[in-house]
Amino acid sequence: MNSLIEWHGINLRWAYSELLPAIYNDIRCRHKAYDILHDALLKFAISPTAINLEKPHAYLRVIAQNLANEDRRINKKLIAFSSTEEFSLPEFINDPTRVAPSPEELISLKQRLEALQKVINRLPPKCREAFWLYRVEQLTLKEIADKLSITVNMVSRHITRAMLDLTRLQDQIR
């Protein structure tokens, strides 16, 4: 039996026996490691520079590393936002022995999310979109201004307004 199973010049046995464990060691999540490997393989396959490479495995490794770095960057932002001291985390999140939140905690979370959604829904459309692009999609003020066809100063005002409204809501919830 031939141990070399190639796809677009990549030895798939190598990809799954060496690259996948390396990604896992970096990410520490089996499902994400598979996703990153599969995304890397697809990016490699559609890359015009991947044709006739001397070291296709090294190129695939770089693609996978870039995807892992991007995943880490995104997760860092999510963790940093959700664990700030301004927001109190529900008790069940801090207790690893708990499998699920209690019914009371679920109701509290639901009420907080509904209140948050109401504040966001009351924002003017451009303000809501600027806030979303800034906080969720992580665009710069200039990128948002270009996308919405408004000035950077106006983008800043929209984001400030949204943050003030959300801060007022946070004060009411406490």
N, C-alpha and C. Protein backbone atom coordinates (compact mmCIF):
# COMPACT_ATOMS: atom_id res chain seq x y z
N MET A 1 0.84 -1.18 0.00
CA MET A 1 0.00 0.00 0.00
C MET A 1 0.89 1.25 0.00
N ASN A 2 0.53 2.20 -0.81
CA ASN A 2 1.30 3.43 -0.93
C ASN A 2 0.93 4.35 0.22
N SER A 3 1.94 4.76 1.01
CA SER A 3 1.66 5.62 2.16
C SER A 3 1.57 7.09 1.77
N LEU A 4 1.76 7.40 0.49
CA LEU A 4 1.71 8.78 0.03
C LEU A 4 0.35 9.04 -0.61
N ILE A 5 -0.50 9.74 0.09
CA ILE A 5 -1.80 10.14 -0.44
C ILE A 5 -1.73 11.63 -0.66
N GLU A 6 -1.67 12.04 -1.91
CA GLU A 6 -1.48 13.45 -2.23
C GLU A 6 -2.77 14.11 -2.69
N TRP A 7 -2.87 15.38 -2.35
CA TRP A 7 -3.96 16.22 -2.82
C TRP A 7 -3.36 17.60 -3.08
N HIS A 8 -3.37 18.03 -4.30
CA HIS A 8 -2.78 19.30 -4.71
C HIS A 8 -1.31 19.41 -4.27
N GLY A 9 -0.60 18.29 -4.33
CA GLY A 9 0.82 18.29 -3.97
C GLY A 9 1.09 18.18 -2.48
N ILE A 10 0.06 18.01 -1.67
CA ILE A 10 0.21 17.88 -0.21
C ILE A 10 0.00 16.43 0.19
N ASN A 11 0.92 15.91 0.97
CA ASN A 11 0.78 14.57 1.52
C ASN A 11 -0.24 14.65 2.66
N LEU A 12 -1.41 14.09 2.42
CA LEU A 12 -2.49 14.19 3.42
C LEU A 12 -2.17 13.43 4.69
N ARG A 13 -1.41 12.35 4.59
CA ARG A 13 -0.99 11.64 5.81
C ARG A 13 -0.14 12.57 6.68
N TRP A 14 0.75 13.32 6.06
CA TRP A 14 1.56 14.28 6.81
C TRP A 14 0.66 15.36 7.43
N ALA A 15 -0.30 15.85 6.64
CA ALA A 15 -1.17 16.92 7.12
C ALA A 15 -1.94 16.48 8.36
N TYR A 16 -2.44 15.24 8.36
CA TYR A 16 -3.24 14.78 9.49
C TYR A 16 -2.41 14.18 10.63
N SER A 17 -1.21 13.67 10.32
CA SER A 17 -0.42 13.06 11.39
C SER A 17 0.57 14.03 12.02
N GLU A 18 0.99 15.09 11.30
CA GLU A 18 1.96 16.03 11.87
C GLU A 18 1.41 17.45 12.00
N LEU A 19 0.80 17.96 10.94
CA LEU A 19 0.32 19.34 10.99
C LEU A 19 -0.89 19.48 11.92
N LEU A 20 -1.83 18.57 11.84
CA LEU A 20 -3.02 18.64 12.71
C LEU A 20 -2.66 18.62 14.19
N PRO A 21 -1.79 17.71 14.64
CA PRO A 21 -1.40 17.76 16.07
C PRO A 21 -0.69 19.06 16.45
N ALA A 22 0.09 19.60 15.54
CA ALA A 22 0.77 20.88 15.82
C ALA A 22 -0.25 22.01 15.99
N ILE A 23 -1.28 22.01 15.13
CA ILE A 23 -2.34 23.02 15.25
C ILE A 23 -3.08 22.83 16.57
N TYR A 24 -3.37 21.57 16.89
CA TYR A 24 -4.07 21.28 18.16
C TYR A 24 -3.26 21.76 19.35
N ASN A 25 -1.95 21.50 19.35
CA ASN A 25 -1.10 21.95 20.46
C ASN A 25 -1.12 23.46 20.60
N ASP A 26 -1.33 24.15 19.51
CA ASP A 26 -1.39 25.61 19.54
C ASP A 26 -2.76 26.11 19.99
N ILE A 27 -3.82 25.51 19.49
CA ILE A 27 -5.19 25.97 19.72
C ILE A 27 -5.83 25.32 20.95
N ARG A 28 -5.54 24.07 21.20
CA ARG A 28 -6.10 23.30 22.32
C ARG A 28 -7.59 23.03 22.19
N CYS A 29 -8.04 22.91 20.96
CA CYS A 29 -9.43 22.52 20.70
C CYS A 29 -9.43 21.65 19.45
N ARG A 30 -9.85 20.41 19.62
CA ARG A 30 -9.80 19.46 18.52
C ARG A 30 -10.64 19.93 17.33
N HIS A 31 -11.83 20.42 17.59
CA HIS A 31 -12.72 20.84 16.50
C HIS A 31 -12.15 22.03 15.74
N LYS A 32 -11.61 23.00 16.48
CA LYS A 32 -11.01 24.15 15.82
C LYS A 32 -9.77 23.75 15.04
N ALA A 33 -9.01 22.81 15.58
CA ALA A 33 -7.80 22.35 14.87
C ALA A 33 -8.18 21.75 13.52
N TYR A 34 -9.22 20.91 13.51
CA TYR A 34 -9.69 20.35 12.24
C TYR A 34 -10.17 21.46 11.29
N ASP A 35 -10.95 22.40 11.84
CA ASP A 35 -11.43 23.51 11.01
C ASP A 35 -10.28 24.29 10.40
N ILE A 36 -9.28 24.58 11.21
CA ILE A 36 -8.13 25.34 10.71
C ILE A 36 -7.39 24.56 9.65
N LEU A 37 -7.18 23.27 9.88
CA LEU A 37 -6.50 22.45 8.87
C LEU A 37 -7.30 22.43 7.57
N HIS A 38 -8.59 22.23 7.66
CA HIS A 38 -9.42 22.18 6.45
C HIS A 38 -9.45 23.52 5.73
N ASP A 39 -9.55 24.60 6.49
CA ASP A 39 -9.50 25.93 5.88
C ASP A 39 -8.15 26.16 5.21
N ALA A 40 -7.09 25.73 5.87
CA ALA A 40 -5.74 25.89 5.30
C ALA A 40 -5.61 25.10 4.00
N LEU A 41 -6.13 23.88 3.99
CA LEU A 41 -6.07 23.07 2.77
C LEU A 41 -6.84 23.74 1.63
N LEU A 42 -8.01 24.30 1.94
CA LEU A 42 -8.78 24.98 0.90
C LEU A 42 -8.08 26.24 0.41
N LYS A 43 -7.54 27.02 1.33
CA LYS A 43 -6.81 28.23 0.94
C LYS A 43 -5.60 27.85 0.08
N PHE A 44 -4.95 26.78 0.45
CA PHE A 44 -3.81 26.31 -0.33
C PHE A 44 -4.25 25.93 -1.75
N ALA A 45 -5.36 25.20 -1.82
CA ALA A 45 -5.83 24.72 -3.13
C ALA A 45 -6.24 25.85 -4.06
N ILE A 46 -6.79 26.93 -3.52
CA ILE A 46 -7.25 28.02 -4.40
C ILE A 46 -6.20 29.12 -4.57
N SER A 47 -5.07 28.97 -3.86
CA SER A 47 -4.03 30.00 -3.95
C SER A 47 -3.28 29.90 -5.27
N PRO A 48 -3.20 31.01 -6.00
CA PRO A 48 -2.46 30.97 -7.27
C PRO A 48 -0.96 30.77 -7.06
N THR A 49 -0.44 31.12 -5.88
CA THR A 49 0.99 30.95 -5.63
C THR A 49 1.35 29.53 -5.23
N ALA A 50 0.36 28.68 -4.97
CA ALA A 50 0.64 27.32 -4.54
C ALA A 50 1.05 26.41 -5.70
N ILE A 51 0.85 26.88 -6.91
CA ILE A 51 1.19 26.07 -8.08
C ILE A 51 2.71 25.99 -8.21
N ASN A 52 3.21 24.78 -8.36
CA ASN A 52 4.63 24.51 -8.58
C ASN A 52 5.54 25.04 -7.47
N LEU A 53 5.11 24.94 -6.25
CA LEU A 53 5.96 25.34 -5.13
C LEU A 53 7.00 24.25 -4.85
N GLU A 54 8.19 24.67 -4.45
CA GLU A 54 9.21 23.70 -4.09
C GLU A 54 8.90 23.04 -2.76
N LYS A 55 8.31 23.83 -1.83
CA LYS A 55 8.00 23.32 -0.50
C LYS A 55 6.53 23.57 -0.17
N PRO A 56 5.64 22.79 -0.76
CA PRO A 56 4.21 23.04 -0.51
C PRO A 56 3.81 22.82 0.95
N HIS A 57 4.50 21.89 1.63
CA HIS A 57 4.14 21.63 3.02
C HIS A 57 4.48 22.83 3.91
N ALA A 58 5.58 23.48 3.62
CA ALA A 58 5.95 24.67 4.39
C ALA A 58 4.93 25.78 4.15
N TYR A 59 4.48 25.92 2.91
CA TYR A 59 3.49 26.94 2.59
C TYR A 59 2.17 26.64 3.31
N LEU A 60 1.76 25.37 3.32
CA LEU A 60 0.54 24.99 4.03
C LEU A 60 0.68 25.25 5.52
N ARG A 61 1.85 24.97 6.08
CA ARG A 61 2.10 25.21 7.50
C ARG A 61 1.95 26.71 7.83
N VAL A 62 2.45 27.58 6.94
CA VAL A 62 2.34 29.02 7.16
C VAL A 62 0.87 29.45 7.10
N ILE A 63 0.13 28.91 6.14
CA ILE A 63 -1.30 29.24 6.04
C ILE A 63 -2.02 28.82 7.33
N ALA A 64 -1.74 27.61 7.80
CA ALA A 64 -2.38 27.11 9.02
C ALA A 64 -2.00 27.97 10.22
N GLN A 65 -0.73 28.37 10.30
CA GLN A 65 -0.30 29.21 11.42
C GLN A 65 -1.00 30.56 11.39
N ASN A 66 -1.14 31.14 10.20
CA ASN A 66 -1.85 32.42 10.07
C ASN A 66 -3.31 32.29 10.50
N LEU A 67 -3.95 31.18 10.12
CA LEU A 67 -5.34 30.96 10.52
C LEU A 67 -5.45 30.77 12.03
N ALA A 68 -4.49 30.06 12.62
CA ALA A 68 -4.49 29.87 14.08
C ALA A 68 -4.28 31.21 14.78
N ASN A 69 -3.39 32.03 14.25
CA ASN A 69 -3.16 33.35 14.84
C ASN A 69 -4.41 34.21 14.75
N GLU A 70 -5.10 34.15 13.63
CA GLU A 70 -6.34 34.91 13.46
C GLU A 70 -7.41 34.42 14.45
N ASP A 71 -7.51 33.11 14.62
CA ASP A 71 -8.46 32.55 15.58
C ASP A 71 -8.15 33.03 16.99
N ARG A 72 -6.87 33.02 17.35
CA ARG A 72 -6.45 33.49 18.67
C ARG A 72 -6.76 34.96 18.85
N ARG A 73 -6.52 35.76 17.81
CA ARG A 73 -6.79 37.20 17.87
C ARG A 73 -8.28 37.46 18.10
N ILE A 74 -9.10 36.75 17.38
CA ILE A 74 -10.55 36.91 17.52
C ILE A 74 -10.99 36.48 18.92
N ASN A 75 -10.51 35.34 19.38
CA ASN A 75 -10.89 34.86 20.71
C ASN A 75 -10.40 35.78 21.81
N LYS A 76 -9.23 36.37 21.61
CA LYS A 76 -8.70 37.30 22.61
C LYS A 76 -9.64 38.49 22.77
N LYS A 77 -10.15 38.99 21.65
CA LYS A 77 -11.07 40.12 21.71
C LYS A 77 -12.37 39.72 22.41
N LEU A 78 -12.86 38.55 22.11
CA LEU A 78 -14.10 38.12 22.73
C LEU A 78 -13.93 37.90 24.22
N ILE A 79 -12.84 37.28 24.61
CA ILE A 79 -12.61 37.04 26.02
C ILE A 79 -12.38 38.36 26.75
N ALA A 80 -11.59 39.23 26.17
CA ALA A 80 -11.29 40.50 26.81
C ALA A 80 -12.57 41.32 27.01
N PHE A 81 -13.47 41.30 26.05
CA PHE A 81 -14.69 42.08 26.16
C PHE A 81 -15.62 41.49 27.21
N SER A 82 -15.73 40.18 27.26
CA SER A 82 -16.70 39.57 28.17
C SER A 82 -16.19 39.44 29.60
N SER A 83 -14.89 39.64 29.83
CA SER A 83 -14.40 39.45 31.19
C SER A 83 -13.93 40.74 31.84
N THR A 84 -14.34 41.87 31.31
CA THR A 84 -13.95 43.13 31.93
C THR A 84 -14.64 43.27 33.26
N GLU A 85 -14.04 44.06 34.14
CA GLU A 85 -14.61 44.22 35.47
C GLU A 85 -15.96 44.92 35.45
N GLU A 86 -16.25 45.66 34.39
CA GLU A 86 -17.52 46.37 34.32
C GLU A 86 -18.70 45.41 34.31
N PHE A 87 -18.52 44.25 33.71
CA PHE A 87 -19.60 43.30 33.58
C PHE A 87 -19.41 42.19 34.59
N SER A 88 -20.42 41.95 35.40
CA SER A 88 -20.32 40.86 36.36
C SER A 88 -20.75 39.58 35.68
N LEU A 89 -19.91 38.58 35.79
CA LEU A 89 -20.22 37.30 35.16
C LEU A 89 -21.16 36.51 36.06
N PRO A 90 -22.09 35.78 35.47
CA PRO A 90 -22.98 34.95 36.28
C PRO A 90 -22.17 33.91 37.04
N GLU A 91 -22.68 33.49 38.19
CA GLU A 91 -21.96 32.56 39.05
C GLU A 91 -21.63 31.24 38.35
N PHE A 92 -22.52 30.72 37.51
CA PHE A 92 -22.29 29.42 36.91
C PHE A 92 -21.08 29.42 35.97
N ILE A 93 -20.69 30.57 35.47
CA ILE A 93 -19.52 30.63 34.59
C ILE A 93 -18.25 30.43 35.39
N ASN A 94 -18.21 30.92 36.61
CA ASN A 94 -17.02 30.81 37.44
C ASN A 94 -16.91 29.49 38.19
N ASP A 95 -17.96 28.69 38.17
CA ASP A 95 -17.96 27.41 38.89
C ASP A 95 -17.86 26.27 37.90
N PRO A 96 -16.67 25.66 37.74
CA PRO A 96 -16.50 24.60 36.73
C PRO A 96 -17.28 23.33 37.04
N THR A 97 -17.76 23.18 38.26
CA THR A 97 -18.52 21.97 38.59
C THR A 97 -19.96 22.06 38.10
N ARG A 98 -20.42 23.26 37.81
CA ARG A 98 -21.79 23.45 37.32
C ARG A 98 -21.84 23.18 35.83
N VAL A 99 -22.79 22.40 35.40
CA VAL A 99 -22.92 22.07 34.00
C VAL A 99 -23.77 23.09 33.27
N ALA A 100 -24.79 23.58 33.92
CA ALA A 100 -25.71 24.50 33.26
C ALA A 100 -26.19 25.54 34.28
N PRO A 101 -26.62 26.67 33.78
CA PRO A 101 -27.15 27.69 34.70
C PRO A 101 -28.50 27.25 35.28
N SER A 102 -28.80 27.78 36.44
CA SER A 102 -30.09 27.49 37.07
C SER A 102 -31.18 28.22 36.29
N PRO A 103 -32.45 27.85 36.50
CA PRO A 103 -33.54 28.56 35.83
C PRO A 103 -33.54 30.06 36.16
N GLU A 104 -33.20 30.40 37.39
CA GLU A 104 -33.17 31.82 37.78
C GLU A 104 -32.08 32.56 37.01
N GLU A 105 -30.92 31.91 36.89
CA GLU A 105 -29.81 32.54 36.16
C GLU A 105 -30.14 32.69 34.68
N LEU A 106 -30.82 31.70 34.12
CA LEU A 106 -31.24 31.79 32.72
C LEU A 106 -32.21 32.94 32.51
N ILE A 107 -33.15 33.10 33.42
CA ILE A 107 -34.12 34.20 33.32
C ILE A 107 -33.39 35.54 33.43
N SER A 108 -32.45 35.63 34.36
CA SER A 108 -31.68 36.87 34.52
C SER A 108 -30.89 37.18 33.25
N LEU A 109 -30.23 36.18 32.69
CA LEU A 109 -29.48 36.40 31.45
C LEU A 109 -30.40 36.83 30.32
N LYS A 110 -31.54 36.17 30.22
CA LYS A 110 -32.49 36.50 29.17
C LYS A 110 -32.97 37.95 29.31
N GLN A 111 -33.28 38.35 30.54
CA GLN A 111 -33.74 39.72 30.77
C GLN A 111 -32.65 40.74 30.42
N ARG A 112 -31.42 40.45 30.78
CA ARG A 112 -30.32 41.35 30.47
C ARG A 112 -30.12 41.46 28.95
N LEU A 113 -30.19 40.32 28.28
CA LEU A 113 -30.04 40.34 26.81
C LEU A 113 -31.18 41.08 26.13
N GLU A 114 -32.39 40.89 26.63
CA GLU A 114 -33.54 41.61 26.07
C GLU A 114 -33.40 43.11 26.27
N ALA A 115 -32.93 43.52 27.44
CA ALA A 115 -32.73 44.95 27.71
C ALA A 115 -31.64 45.51 26.79
N LEU A 116 -30.58 44.76 26.62
CA LEU A 116 -29.51 45.17 25.72
C LEU A 116 -30.03 45.30 24.29
N GLN A 117 -30.81 44.33 23.86
CA GLN A 117 -31.36 44.38 22.51
C GLN A 117 -32.28 45.57 22.31
N LYS A 118 -33.06 45.91 23.33
CA LYS A 118 -33.95 47.08 23.23
C LYS A 118 -33.15 48.36 23.05
N VAL A 119 -32.06 48.51 23.82
CA VAL A 119 -31.22 49.70 23.70
C VAL A 119 -30.63 49.77 22.30
N ILE A 120 -30.12 48.66 21.83
CA ILE A 120 -29.51 48.64 20.49
C ILE A 120 -30.55 48.92 19.42
N ASN A 121 -31.74 48.36 19.56
CA ASN A 121 -32.81 48.59 18.57
C ASN A 121 -33.28 50.04 18.54
N ARG A 122 -33.17 50.75 19.68
CA ARG A 122 -33.60 52.15 19.73
C ARG A 122 -32.59 53.10 19.08
N LEU A 123 -31.37 52.62 18.85
CA LEU A 123 -30.37 53.48 18.22
C LEU A 123 -30.77 53.77 16.78
N PRO A 124 -30.45 54.96 16.28
CA PRO A 124 -30.70 55.24 14.87
C PRO A 124 -29.92 54.24 14.00
N PRO A 125 -30.43 53.94 12.81
CA PRO A 125 -29.80 52.91 11.97
C PRO A 125 -28.30 53.11 11.74
N LYS A 126 -27.87 54.31 11.41
CA LYS A 126 -26.43 54.55 11.16
C LYS A 126 -25.62 54.36 12.44
N CYS A 127 -26.17 54.79 13.55
CA CYS A 127 -25.50 54.65 14.84
C CYS A 127 -25.36 53.17 15.19
N ARG A 128 -26.43 52.43 15.00
CA ARG A 128 -26.42 50.99 15.28
C ARG A 128 -25.41 50.28 14.38
N GLU A 129 -25.39 50.64 13.11
CA GLU A 129 -24.47 50.00 12.17
C GLU A 129 -23.02 50.36 12.49
N ALA A 130 -22.76 51.62 12.83
CA ALA A 130 -21.40 52.05 13.18
C ALA A 130 -20.92 51.30 14.42
N PHE A 131 -21.80 51.18 15.41
CA PHE A 131 -21.46 50.45 16.64
C PHE A 131 -21.14 49.00 16.33
N TRP A 132 -21.97 48.36 15.52
CA TRP A 132 -21.75 46.96 15.15
C TRP A 132 -20.42 46.79 14.42
N LEU A 133 -20.17 47.65 13.45
CA LEU A 133 -18.92 47.53 12.68
C LEU A 133 -17.69 47.74 13.56
N TYR A 134 -17.82 48.61 14.55
CA TYR A 134 -16.69 48.92 15.42
C TYR A 134 -16.46 47.84 16.47
N ARG A 135 -17.53 47.46 17.18
CA ARG A 135 -17.37 46.52 18.30
C ARG A 135 -17.35 45.07 17.88
N VAL A 136 -18.11 44.70 16.87
CA VAL A 136 -18.20 43.30 16.49
C VAL A 136 -17.25 42.96 15.34
N GLU A 137 -17.29 43.75 14.29
CA GLU A 137 -16.45 43.45 13.13
C GLU A 137 -15.06 44.05 13.25
N GLN A 138 -14.84 44.87 14.29
CA GLN A 138 -13.52 45.42 14.60
C GLN A 138 -12.92 46.27 13.47
N LEU A 139 -13.77 46.99 12.75
CA LEU A 139 -13.27 47.89 11.71
C LEU A 139 -12.74 49.17 12.36
N THR A 140 -11.83 49.83 11.67
CA THR A 140 -11.32 51.12 12.18
C THR A 140 -12.36 52.19 11.90
N LEU A 141 -12.19 53.35 12.55
CA LEU A 141 -13.11 54.46 12.33
C LEU A 141 -13.10 54.88 10.87
N LYS A 142 -11.94 54.90 10.27
CA LYS A 142 -11.81 55.29 8.85
C LYS A 142 -12.53 54.29 7.95
N GLU A 143 -12.36 53.00 8.22
CA GLU A 143 -13.04 51.98 7.41
C GLU A 143 -14.56 52.11 7.53
N ILE A 144 -15.03 52.38 8.73
CA ILE A 144 -16.47 52.54 8.95
C ILE A 144 -16.97 53.79 8.22
N ALA A 145 -16.22 54.87 8.33
CA ALA A 145 -16.59 56.12 7.65
C ALA A 145 -16.70 55.89 6.14
N ASP A 146 -15.74 55.19 5.58
CA ASP A 146 -15.78 54.90 4.14
C ASP A 146 -16.98 54.02 3.79
N LYS A 147 -17.23 53.01 4.62
CA LYS A 147 -18.32 52.07 4.35
C LYS A 147 -19.69 52.75 4.44
N LEU A 148 -19.85 53.66 5.42
CA LEU A 148 -21.14 54.32 5.63
C LEU A 148 -21.25 55.67 4.90
N SER A 149 -20.18 56.06 4.24
CA SER A 149 -20.14 57.35 3.53
C SER A 149 -20.42 58.53 4.46
N ILE A 150 -19.77 58.51 5.62
CA ILE A 150 -19.87 59.61 6.57
C ILE A 150 -18.46 59.95 7.03
N THR A 151 -18.33 61.03 7.80
CA THR A 151 -17.01 61.44 8.27
C THR A 151 -16.57 60.58 9.46
N VAL A 152 -15.28 60.56 9.70
CA VAL A 152 -14.72 59.84 10.85
C VAL A 152 -15.27 60.44 12.15
N ASN A 153 -15.43 61.75 12.18
CA ASN A 153 -15.98 62.42 13.35
C ASN A 153 -17.40 61.93 13.63
N MET A 154 -18.19 61.76 12.60
CA MET A 154 -19.57 61.29 12.78
C MET A 154 -19.58 59.84 13.27
N VAL A 155 -18.67 59.03 12.75
CA VAL A 155 -18.56 57.64 13.23
C VAL A 155 -18.26 57.64 14.72
N SER A 156 -17.32 58.48 15.12
CA SER A 156 -16.96 58.58 16.53
C SER A 156 -18.16 58.99 17.38
N ARG A 157 -18.94 59.94 16.90
CA ARG A 157 -20.15 60.36 17.63
C ARG A 157 -21.16 59.22 17.76
N HIS A 158 -21.36 58.48 16.67
CA HIS A 158 -22.29 57.34 16.71
C HIS A 158 -21.85 56.31 17.75
N ILE A 159 -20.59 55.97 17.75
CA ILE A 159 -20.08 54.96 18.69
C ILE A 159 -20.18 55.47 20.12
N THR A 160 -19.86 56.74 20.33
CA THR A 160 -19.96 57.33 21.67
C THR A 160 -21.40 57.29 22.16
N ARG A 161 -22.33 57.64 21.29
CA ARG A 161 -23.75 57.62 21.68
C ARG A 161 -24.17 56.21 22.08
N ALA A 162 -23.80 55.23 21.27
CA ALA A 162 -24.17 53.85 21.57
C ALA A 162 -23.58 53.41 22.90
N MET A 163 -22.33 53.75 23.12
CA MET A 163 -21.68 53.35 24.37
C MET A 163 -22.33 54.03 25.58
N LEU A 164 -22.71 55.31 25.43
CA LEU A 164 -23.39 56.00 26.53
C LEU A 164 -24.74 55.36 26.84
N ASP A 165 -25.49 55.02 25.81
CA ASP A 165 -26.78 54.37 26.02
C ASP A 165 -26.60 53.02 26.71
N LEU A 166 -25.60 52.26 26.29
CA LEU A 166 -25.35 50.95 26.90
C LEU A 166 -24.85 51.10 28.34
N THR A 167 -24.08 52.14 28.60
CA THR A 167 -23.61 52.39 29.96
C THR A 167 -24.78 52.72 30.88
N ARG A 168 -25.72 53.52 30.38
CA ARG A 168 -26.92 53.84 31.17
C ARG A 168 -27.70 52.57 31.50
N LEU A 169 -27.80 51.69 30.51
CA LEU A 169 -28.49 50.43 30.73
C LEU A 169 -27.77 49.61 31.79
N GLN A 170 -26.47 49.55 31.69
CA GLN A 170 -25.67 48.80 32.67
C GLN A 170 -25.90 49.34 34.09
N ASP A 171 -25.97 50.66 34.22
CA ASP A 171 -26.22 51.26 35.52
C ASP A 171 -27.59 50.87 36.05
N GLN A 172 -28.59 50.77 35.17
CA GLN A 172 -29.94 50.40 35.58
C GLN A 172 -30.01 48.94 36.02
N ILE A 173 -29.22 48.08 35.36
CA ILE A 173 -29.25 46.65 35.66
C ILE A 173 -28.63 46.36 37.02
N ARG A 174 -27.62 47.11 37.40
CA ARG A 174 -26.92 46.86 38.68
C ARG A 174 -27.78 47.03 39.86
